[in-house]
Amino acid sequence: MDQLHVLFPYMIGINIVTFILMGVDKQRARNRAWRIPERTFWILAIIGGSIGSFAGMRVFHHKTKHLTFTIGIPLIMGVHFLLVSYIFAYMS
């Protein structure tokens, strides 16, 4: 049960950060300012921010023309869903 007390706040936090950064990067793109590297978004998605990335893509219409993002982020989200389901089912 202790894992859930750590996992839940972590997942919420990383997804909020990722979502906000997607919005910041979209605004920077519009202003032709310095951009957040795509690698950063991939790392954030892999370490748990896939829902925030997906939500940011939809809300801000950001990275939606990049096939790697439109396919990769939902795949990572699916893997995260399976991992979290496993944790809830077998470790709680």
PDB file of N, CA and C in Angstrom:
ATOM      1  N   MET A   1       0.809  -1.198   0.000  1.00  0.00           N
ATOM      2  CA  MET A   1       0.000   0.000   0.000  1.00  0.00           C
ATOM      3  C   MET A   1       0.859   1.272   0.000  1.00  0.00           C
ATOM      4  N   ASP A   2       2.073   1.167   0.547  1.00  0.00           N
ATOM      5  CA  ASP A   2       2.948   2.335   0.580  1.00  0.00           C
ATOM      6  C   ASP A   2       3.316   2.818  -0.808  1.00  0.00           C
ATOM      7  N   GLN A   3       3.438   1.880  -1.773  1.00  0.00           N
ATOM      8  CA  GLN A   3       3.777   2.270  -3.139  1.00  0.00           C
ATOM      9  C   GLN A   3       2.698   3.180  -3.720  1.00  0.00           C
ATOM     10  N   LEU A   4       1.452   2.912  -3.389  1.00  0.00           N
ATOM     11  CA  LEU A   4       0.352   3.709  -3.922  1.00  0.00           C
ATOM     12  C   LEU A   4       0.375   5.128  -3.376  1.00  0.00           C
ATOM     13  N   HIS A   5       0.813   5.297  -2.140  1.00  0.00           N
ATOM     14  CA  HIS A   5       0.895   6.633  -1.545  1.00  0.00           C
ATOM     15  C   HIS A   5       1.980   7.477  -2.206  1.00  0.00           C
ATOM     16  N   VAL A   6       2.940   6.833  -2.798  1.00  0.00           N
ATOM     17  CA  VAL A   6       4.003   7.534  -3.511  1.00  0.00           C
ATOM     18  C   VAL A   6       3.643   7.670  -4.988  1.00  0.00           C
ATOM     19  N   LEU A   7       3.120   6.606  -5.574  1.00  0.00           N
ATOM     20  CA  LEU A   7       2.829   6.578  -7.005  1.00  0.00           C
ATOM     21  C   LEU A   7       1.752   7.579  -7.406  1.00  0.00           C
ATOM     22  N   PHE A   8       0.685   7.639  -6.649  1.00  0.00           N
ATOM     23  CA  PHE A   8      -0.439   8.503  -7.018  1.00  0.00           C
ATOM     24  C   PHE A   8      -0.048   9.982  -7.075  1.00  0.00           C
ATOM     25  N   PRO A   9       0.550  10.549  -6.024  1.00  0.00           N
ATOM     26  CA  PRO A   9       0.962  11.959  -6.120  1.00  0.00           C
ATOM     27  C   PRO A   9       2.013  12.195  -7.206  1.00  0.00           C
ATOM     28  N   TYR A  10       2.917  11.235  -7.390  1.00  0.00           N
ATOM     29  CA  TYR A  10       3.929  11.375  -8.430  1.00  0.00           C
ATOM     30  C   TYR A  10       3.264  11.470  -9.805  1.00  0.00           C
ATOM     31  N   MET A  11       2.334  10.547 -10.077  1.00  0.00           N
ATOM     32  CA  MET A  11       1.668  10.533 -11.384  1.00  0.00           C
ATOM     33  C   MET A  11       0.882  11.825 -11.617  1.00  0.00           C
ATOM     34  N   ILE A  12       0.215  12.302 -10.605  1.00  0.00           N
ATOM     35  CA  ILE A  12      -0.530  13.560 -10.748  1.00  0.00           C
ATOM     36  C   ILE A  12       0.437  14.711 -11.015  1.00  0.00           C
ATOM     37  N   GLY A  13       1.506  14.779 -10.242  1.00  0.00           N
ATOM     38  CA  GLY A  13       2.470  15.872 -10.397  1.00  0.00           C
ATOM     39  C   GLY A  13       3.162  15.881 -11.742  1.00  0.00           C
ATOM     40  N   ILE A  14       3.657  14.734 -12.182  1.00  0.00           N
ATOM     41  CA  ILE A  14       4.391  14.679 -13.456  1.00  0.00           C
ATOM     42  C   ILE A  14       3.474  14.997 -14.634  1.00  0.00           C
ATOM     43  N   ASN A  15       2.208  14.603 -14.534  1.00  0.00           N
ATOM     44  CA  ASN A  15       1.271  14.897 -15.615  1.00  0.00           C
ATOM     45  C   ASN A  15       0.871  16.366 -15.648  1.00  0.00           C
ATOM     46  N   ILE A  16       0.739  16.980 -14.492  1.00  0.00           N
ATOM     47  CA  ILE A  16       0.450  18.418 -14.448  1.00  0.00           C
ATOM     48  C   ILE A  16       1.618  19.211 -15.025  1.00  0.00           C
ATOM     49  N   VAL A  17       2.839  18.857 -14.626  1.00  0.00           N
ATOM     50  CA  VAL A  17       4.030  19.535 -15.146  1.00  0.00           C
ATOM     51  C   VAL A  17       4.121  19.373 -16.661  1.00  0.00           C
ATOM     52  N   THR A  18       3.906  18.169 -17.148  1.00  0.00           N
ATOM     53  CA  THR A  18       4.003  17.911 -18.588  1.00  0.00           C
ATOM     54  C   THR A  18       2.943  18.687 -19.351  1.00  0.00           C
ATOM     55  N   PHE A  19       1.723  18.705 -18.845  1.00  0.00           N
ATOM     56  CA  PHE A  19       0.635  19.451 -19.484  1.00  0.00           C
ATOM     57  C   PHE A  19       0.970  20.939 -19.565  1.00  0.00           C
ATOM     58  N   ILE A  20       1.437  21.497 -18.461  1.00  0.00           N
ATOM     59  CA  ILE A  20       1.786  22.922 -18.433  1.00  0.00           C
ATOM     60  C   ILE A  20       2.910  23.215 -19.424  1.00  0.00           C
ATOM     61  N   LEU A  21       3.931  22.358 -19.468  1.00  0.00           N
ATOM     62  CA  LEU A  21       5.045  22.585 -20.392  1.00  0.00           C
ATOM     63  C   LEU A  21       4.599  22.499 -21.848  1.00  0.00           C
ATOM     64  N   MET A  22       3.612  21.651 -22.139  1.00  0.00           N
ATOM     65  CA  MET A  22       3.077  21.607 -23.510  1.00  0.00           C
ATOM     66  C   MET A  22       2.453  22.954 -23.867  1.00  0.00           C
ATOM     67  N   GLY A  23       1.721  23.542 -22.929  1.00  0.00           N
ATOM     68  CA  GLY A  23       1.123  24.855 -23.163  1.00  0.00           C
ATOM     69  C   GLY A  23       2.166  25.946 -23.304  1.00  0.00           C
ATOM     70  N   VAL A  24       3.194  25.888 -22.471  1.00  0.00           N
ATOM     71  CA  VAL A  24       4.280  26.872 -22.540  1.00  0.00           C
ATOM     72  C   VAL A  24       4.986  26.767 -23.890  1.00  0.00           C
ATOM     73  N   ASP A  25       5.267  25.539 -24.325  1.00  0.00           N
ATOM     74  CA  ASP A  25       5.972  25.355 -25.591  1.00  0.00           C
ATOM     75  C   ASP A  25       5.120  25.819 -26.768  1.00  0.00           C
ATOM     76  N   LYS A  26       3.828  25.581 -26.709  1.00  0.00           N
ATOM     77  CA  LYS A  26       2.942  26.050 -27.783  1.00  0.00           C
ATOM     78  C   LYS A  26       2.961  27.570 -27.854  1.00  0.00           C
ATOM     79  N   GLN A  27       2.908  28.220 -26.702  1.00  0.00           N
ATOM     80  CA  GLN A  27       2.954  29.682 -26.673  1.00  0.00           C
ATOM     81  C   GLN A  27       4.290  30.192 -27.216  1.00  0.00           C
ATOM     82  N   ARG A  28       5.364  29.523 -26.853  1.00  0.00           N
ATOM     83  CA  ARG A  28       6.680  29.919 -27.366  1.00  0.00           C
ATOM     84  C   ARG A  28       6.750  29.716 -28.876  1.00  0.00           C
ATOM     85  N   ALA A  29       6.122  28.685 -29.372  1.00  0.00           N
ATOM     86  CA  ALA A  29       6.112  28.444 -30.816  1.00  0.00           C
ATOM     87  C   ALA A  29       5.386  29.584 -31.532  1.00  0.00           C
ATOM     88  N   ARG A  30       4.289  30.010 -30.966  1.00  0.00           N
ATOM     89  CA  ARG A  30       3.533  31.125 -31.573  1.00  0.00           C
ATOM     90  C   ARG A  30       4.347  32.417 -31.573  1.00  0.00           C
ATOM     91  N   ASN A  31       5.141  32.605 -30.516  1.00  0.00           N
ATOM     92  CA  ASN A  31       5.942  33.829 -30.383  1.00  0.00           C
ATOM     93  C   ASN A  31       7.327  33.713 -31.012  1.00  0.00           C
ATOM     94  N   ARG A  32       7.595  32.574 -31.628  1.00  0.00           N
ATOM     95  CA  ARG A  32       8.896  32.308 -32.240  1.00  0.00           C
ATOM     96  C   ARG A  32      10.042  32.499 -31.238  1.00  0.00           C
ATOM     97  N   ALA A  33       9.811  32.033 -30.023  1.00  0.00           N
ATOM     98  CA  ALA A  33      10.804  32.125 -28.945  1.00  0.00           C
ATOM     99  C   ALA A  33      11.526  30.795 -28.796  1.00  0.00           C
ATOM    100  N   TRP A  34      12.476  30.759 -27.868  1.00  0.00           N
ATOM    101  CA  TRP A  34      13.218  29.537 -27.579  1.00  0.00           C
ATOM    102  C   TRP A  34      12.233  28.450 -27.193  1.00  0.00           C
ATOM    103  N   ARG A  35      12.401  27.238 -27.730  1.00  0.00           N
ATOM    104  CA  ARG A  35      11.455  26.143 -27.542  1.00  0.00           C
ATOM    105  C   ARG A  35      11.998  25.089 -26.593  1.00  0.00           C
ATOM    106  N   ILE A  36      11.103  24.359 -26.004  1.00  0.00           N
ATOM    107  CA  ILE A  36      11.450  23.213 -25.174  1.00  0.00           C
ATOM    108  C   ILE A  36      11.757  22.058 -26.123  1.00  0.00           C
ATOM    109  N   PRO A  37      12.896  21.399 -25.970  1.00  0.00           N
ATOM    110  CA  PRO A  37      13.249  20.304 -26.891  1.00  0.00           C
ATOM    111  C   PRO A  37      12.244  19.156 -26.834  1.00  0.00           C
ATOM    112  N   GLU A  38      11.991  18.542 -28.004  1.00  0.00           N
ATOM    113  CA  GLU A  38      11.076  17.401 -28.062  1.00  0.00           C
ATOM    114  C   GLU A  38      11.547  16.272 -27.155  1.00  0.00           C
ATOM    115  N   ARG A  39      12.853  16.135 -27.042  1.00  0.00           N
ATOM    116  CA  ARG A  39      13.408  15.092 -26.174  1.00  0.00           C
ATOM    117  C   ARG A  39      12.870  15.231 -24.745  1.00  0.00           C
ATOM    118  N   THR A  40      12.702  16.457 -24.281  1.00  0.00           N
ATOM    119  CA  THR A  40      12.171  16.700 -22.943  1.00  0.00           C
ATOM    120  C   THR A  40      10.764  16.129 -22.812  1.00  0.00           C
ATOM    121  N   PHE A  41       9.945  16.341 -23.834  1.00  0.00           N
ATOM    122  CA  PHE A  41       8.578  15.815 -23.792  1.00  0.00           C
ATOM    123  C   PHE A  41       8.565  14.285 -23.817  1.00  0.00           C
ATOM    124  N   TRP A  42       9.477  13.696 -24.579  1.00  0.00           N
ATOM    125  CA  TRP A  42       9.557  12.231 -24.599  1.00  0.00           C
ATOM    126  C   TRP A  42       9.978  11.685 -23.240  1.00  0.00           C
ATOM    127  N   ILE A  43      10.958  12.323 -22.630  1.00  0.00           N
ATOM    128  CA  ILE A  43      11.418  11.874 -21.313  1.00  0.00           C
ATOM    129  C   ILE A  43      10.286  12.007 -20.292  1.00  0.00           C
ATOM    130  N   LEU A  44       9.609  13.145 -20.300  1.00  0.00           N
ATOM    131  CA  LEU A  44       8.505  13.338 -19.362  1.00  0.00           C
ATOM    132  C   LEU A  44       7.403  12.312 -19.579  1.00  0.00           C
ATOM    133  N   ALA A  45       7.093  12.017 -20.834  1.00  0.00           N
ATOM    134  CA  ALA A  45       6.059  11.019 -21.129  1.00  0.00           C
ATOM    135  C   ALA A  45       6.476   9.644 -20.631  1.00  0.00           C
ATOM    136  N   ILE A  46       7.713   9.282 -20.865  1.00  0.00           N
ATOM    137  CA  ILE A  46       8.197   7.952 -20.472  1.00  0.00           C
ATOM    138  C   ILE A  46       8.232   7.794 -18.957  1.00  0.00           C
ATOM    139  N   ILE A  47       8.593   8.842 -18.238  1.00  0.00           N
ATOM    140  CA  ILE A  47       8.698   8.713 -16.777  1.00  0.00           C
ATOM    141  C   ILE A  47       7.355   8.922 -16.073  1.00  0.00           C
ATOM    142  N   GLY A  48       6.272   8.968 -16.832  1.00  0.00           N
ATOM    143  CA  GLY A  48       4.952   9.000 -16.216  1.00  0.00           C
ATOM    144  C   GLY A  48       4.027  10.103 -16.674  1.00  0.00           C
ATOM    145  N   GLY A  49       4.499  11.010 -17.522  1.00  0.00           N
ATOM    146  CA  GLY A  49       3.679  12.143 -17.939  1.00  0.00           C
ATOM    147  C   GLY A  49       2.949  11.960 -19.253  1.00  0.00           C
ATOM    148  N   SER A  50       2.650  10.727 -19.611  1.00  0.00           N
ATOM    149  CA  SER A  50       2.007  10.480 -20.909  1.00  0.00           C
ATOM    150  C   SER A  50       0.591  11.054 -20.972  1.00  0.00           C
ATOM    151  N   ILE A  51      -0.149  11.006 -19.878  1.00  0.00           N
ATOM    152  CA  ILE A  51      -1.503  11.569 -19.884  1.00  0.00           C
ATOM    153  C   ILE A  51      -1.436  13.086 -20.044  1.00  0.00           C
ATOM    154  N   GLY A  52      -0.497  13.720 -19.364  1.00  0.00           N
ATOM    155  CA  GLY A  52      -0.314  15.162 -19.506  1.00  0.00           C
ATOM    156  C   GLY A  52       0.106  15.544 -20.911  1.00  0.00           C
ATOM    157  N   SER A  53       0.966  14.730 -21.526  1.00  0.00           N
ATOM    158  CA  SER A  53       1.374  14.980 -22.908  1.00  0.00           C
ATOM    159  C   SER A  53       0.189  14.858 -23.849  1.00  0.00           C
ATOM    160  N   PHE A  54      -0.575  13.796 -23.680  1.00  0.00           N
ATOM    161  CA  PHE A  54      -1.738  13.568 -24.543  1.00  0.00           C
ATOM    162  C   PHE A  54      -2.767  14.684 -24.377  1.00  0.00           C
ATOM    163  N   ALA A  55      -3.035  15.050 -23.128  1.00  0.00           N
ATOM    164  CA  ALA A  55      -3.988  16.133 -22.871  1.00  0.00           C
ATOM    165  C   ALA A  55      -3.482  17.452 -23.452  1.00  0.00           C
ATOM    166  N   GLY A  56      -2.184  17.720 -23.302  1.00  0.00           N
ATOM    167  CA  GLY A  56      -1.605  18.938 -23.861  1.00  0.00           C
ATOM    168  C   GLY A  56      -1.683  18.970 -25.377  1.00  0.00           C
ATOM    169  N   MET A  57      -1.489  17.816 -25.993  1.00  0.00           N
ATOM    170  CA  MET A  57      -1.613  17.739 -27.451  1.00  0.00           C
ATOM    171  C   MET A  57      -3.029  18.105 -27.889  1.00  0.00           C
ATOM    172  N   ARG A  58      -4.003  17.628 -27.162  1.00  0.00           N
ATOM    173  CA  ARG A  58      -5.409  17.871 -27.523  1.00  0.00           C
ATOM    174  C   ARG A  58      -5.849  19.293 -27.178  1.00  0.00           C
ATOM    175  N   VAL A  59      -5.546  19.749 -25.989  1.00  0.00           N
ATOM    176  CA  VAL A  59      -6.011  21.062 -25.546  1.00  0.00           C
ATOM    177  C   VAL A  59      -5.322  22.188 -26.307  1.00  0.00           C
ATOM    178  N   PHE A  60      -4.007  22.084 -26.454  1.00  0.00           N
ATOM    179  CA  PHE A  60      -3.244  23.158 -27.083  1.00  0.00           C
ATOM    180  C   PHE A  60      -3.007  22.938 -28.572  1.00  0.00           C
ATOM    181  N   HIS A  61      -3.484  21.816 -29.112  1.00  0.00           N
ATOM    182  CA  HIS A  61      -3.244  21.452 -30.514  1.00  0.00           C
ATOM    183  C   HIS A  61      -1.751  21.541 -30.820  1.00  0.00           C
ATOM    184  N   HIS A  62      -0.984  20.917 -29.939  1.00  0.00           N
ATOM    185  CA  HIS A  62       0.468  21.003 -30.016  1.00  0.00           C
ATOM    186  C   HIS A  62       1.056  19.632 -30.327  1.00  0.00           C
ATOM    187  N   LYS A  63       1.984  19.583 -31.244  1.00  0.00           N
ATOM    188  CA  LYS A  63       2.669  18.356 -31.668  1.00  0.00           C
ATOM    189  C   LYS A  63       1.727  17.383 -32.370  1.00  0.00           C
ATOM    190  N   THR A  64       0.585  17.851 -32.805  1.00  0.00           N
ATOM    191  CA  THR A  64      -0.392  16.963 -33.430  1.00  0.00           C
ATOM    192  C   THR A  64      -0.047  16.616 -34.877  1.00  0.00           C
ATOM    193  N   LYS A  65       0.857  17.344 -35.486  1.00  0.00           N
ATOM    194  CA  LYS A  65       1.285  17.034 -36.853  1.00  0.00           C
ATOM    195  C   LYS A  65       2.497  16.105 -36.871  1.00  0.00           C
ATOM    196  N   HIS A  66       3.033  15.812 -35.697  1.00  0.00           N
ATOM    197  CA  HIS A  66       4.181  14.917 -35.587  1.00  0.00           C
ATOM    198  C   HIS A  66       3.658  13.494 -35.406  1.00  0.00           C
ATOM    199  N   LEU A  67       3.838  12.661 -36.412  1.00  0.00           N
ATOM    200  CA  LEU A  67       3.345  11.289 -36.366  1.00  0.00           C
ATOM    201  C   LEU A  67       3.927  10.528 -35.181  1.00  0.00           C
ATOM    202  N   THR A  68       5.195  10.807 -34.865  1.00  0.00           N
ATOM    203  CA  THR A  68       5.809  10.110 -33.727  1.00  0.00           C
ATOM    204  C   THR A  68       5.082  10.429 -32.423  1.00  0.00           C
ATOM    205  N   PHE A  69       4.596  11.656 -32.275  1.00  0.00           N
ATOM    206  CA  PHE A  69       3.853  12.022 -31.064  1.00  0.00           C
ATOM    207  C   PHE A  69       2.437  11.451 -31.098  1.00  0.00           C
ATOM    208  N   THR A  70       1.759  11.544 -32.237  1.00  0.00           N
ATOM    209  CA  THR A  70       0.368  11.086 -32.298  1.00  0.00           C
ATOM    210  C   THR A  70       0.253   9.578 -32.139  1.00  0.00           C
ATOM    211  N   ILE A  71       1.299   8.846 -32.441  1.00  0.00           N
ATOM    212  CA  ILE A  71       1.294   7.395 -32.243  1.00  0.00           C
ATOM    213  C   ILE A  71       2.016   7.028 -30.951  1.00  0.00           C
ATOM    214  N   GLY A  72       3.167   7.634 -30.714  1.00  0.00           N
ATOM    215  CA  GLY A  72       4.017   7.264 -29.584  1.00  0.00           C
ATOM    216  C   GLY A  72       3.424   7.569 -28.223  1.00  0.00           C
ATOM    217  N   ILE A  73       2.840   8.734 -28.071  1.00  0.00           N
ATOM    218  CA  ILE A  73       2.290   9.116 -26.760  1.00  0.00           C
ATOM    219  C   ILE A  73       1.147   8.176 -26.350  1.00  0.00           C
ATOM    220  N   PRO A  74       0.174   7.872 -27.231  1.00  0.00           N
ATOM    221  CA  PRO A  74      -0.856   6.903 -26.826  1.00  0.00           C
ATOM    222  C   PRO A  74      -0.288   5.515 -26.521  1.00  0.00           C
ATOM    223  N   LEU A  75       0.754   5.107 -27.221  1.00  0.00           N
ATOM    224  CA  LEU A  75       1.379   3.816 -26.914  1.00  0.00           C
ATOM    225  C   LEU A  75       2.010   3.821 -25.523  1.00  0.00           C
ATOM    226  N   ILE A  76       2.708   4.883 -25.218  1.00  0.00           N
ATOM    227  CA  ILE A  76       3.307   5.007 -23.884  1.00  0.00           C
ATOM    228  C   ILE A  76       2.202   5.041 -22.825  1.00  0.00           C
ATOM    229  N   MET A  77       1.113   5.745 -23.122  1.00  0.00           N
ATOM    230  CA  MET A  77      -0.011   5.806 -22.200  1.00  0.00           C
ATOM    231  C   MET A  77      -0.576   4.404 -21.944  1.00  0.00           C
ATOM    232  N   GLY A  78      -0.669   3.595 -22.989  1.00  0.00           N
ATOM    233  CA  GLY A  78      -1.143   2.225 -22.837  1.00  0.00           C
ATOM    234  C   GLY A  78      -0.232   1.390 -21.954  1.00  0.00           C
ATOM    235  N   VAL A  79       1.066   1.538 -22.149  1.00  0.00           N
ATOM    236  CA  VAL A  79       2.032   0.819 -21.314  1.00  0.00           C
ATOM    237  C   VAL A  79       1.896   1.267 -19.860  1.00  0.00           C
ATOM    238  N   HIS A  80       1.740   2.568 -19.643  1.00  0.00           N
ATOM    239  CA  HIS A  80       1.564   3.069 -18.280  1.00  0.00           C
ATOM    240  C   HIS A  80       0.289   2.516 -17.656  1.00  0.00           C
ATOM    241  N   PHE A  81      -0.777   2.457 -18.434  1.00  0.00           N
ATOM    242  CA  PHE A  81      -2.034   1.902 -17.925  1.00  0.00           C
ATOM    243  C   PHE A  81      -1.834   0.454 -17.483  1.00  0.00           C
ATOM    244  N   LEU A  82      -1.140  -0.326 -18.298  1.00  0.00           N
ATOM    245  CA  LEU A  82      -0.886  -1.722 -17.938  1.00  0.00           C
ATOM    246  C   LEU A  82      -0.027  -1.828 -16.678  1.00  0.00           C
ATOM    247  N   LEU A  83       1.004  -1.000 -16.582  1.00  0.00           N
ATOM    248  CA  LEU A  83       1.867  -1.029 -15.395  1.00  0.00           C
ATOM    249  C   LEU A  83       1.123  -0.633 -14.125  1.00  0.00           C
ATOM    250  N   VAL A  84       0.340   0.422 -14.209  1.00  0.00           N
ATOM    251  CA  VAL A  84      -0.411   0.870 -13.040  1.00  0.00           C
ATOM    252  C   VAL A  84      -1.467  -0.168 -12.671  1.00  0.00           C
ATOM    253  N   SER A  85      -2.112  -0.757 -13.665  1.00  0.00           N
ATOM    254  CA  SER A  85      -3.094  -1.826 -13.404  1.00  0.00           C
ATOM    255  C   SER A  85      -2.426  -2.990 -12.694  1.00  0.00           C
ATOM    256  N   TYR A  86      -1.247  -3.352 -13.135  1.00  0.00           N
ATOM    257  CA  TYR A  86      -0.501  -4.442 -12.504  1.00  0.00           C
ATOM    258  C   TYR A  86      -0.176  -4.095 -11.050  1.00  0.00           C
ATOM    259  N   ILE A  87       0.283  -2.885 -10.841  1.00  0.00           N
ATOM    260  CA  ILE A  87       0.626  -2.452  -9.484  1.00  0.00           C
ATOM    261  C   ILE A  87      -0.592  -2.506  -8.575  1.00  0.00           C
ATOM    262  N   PHE A  88      -1.718  -2.005  -9.064  1.00  0.00           N
ATOM    263  CA  PHE A  88      -2.940  -2.026  -8.255  1.00  0.00           C
ATOM    264  C   PHE A  88      -3.416  -3.452  -7.991  1.00  0.00           C
ATOM    265  N   ALA A  89      -3.324  -4.313  -8.989  1.00  0.00           N
ATOM    266  CA  ALA A  89      -3.851  -5.662  -8.869  1.00  0.00           C
ATOM    267  C   ALA A  89      -2.992  -6.569  -8.003  1.00  0.00           C
ATOM    268  N   TYR A  90      -1.685  -6.469  -8.155  1.00  0.00           N
ATOM    269  CA  TYR A  90      -0.803  -7.440  -7.524  1.00  0.00           C
ATOM    270  C   TYR A  90       0.043  -6.916  -6.369  1.00  0.00           C
ATOM    271  N   MET A  91       0.119  -5.621  -6.220  1.00  0.00           N
ATOM    272  CA  MET A  91       1.004  -5.098  -5.183  1.00  0.00           C
ATOM    273  C   MET A  91       0.254  -4.371  -4.075  1.00  0.00           C
ATOM    274  N   SER A  92      -1.034  -4.233  -4.206  1.00  0.00           N
ATOM    275  CA  SER A  92      -1.762  -3.497  -3.157  1.00  0.00           C
ATOM    276  C   SER A  92      -2.365  -4.436  -2.135  1.00  0.00           C
TER     277      SER A  92
END
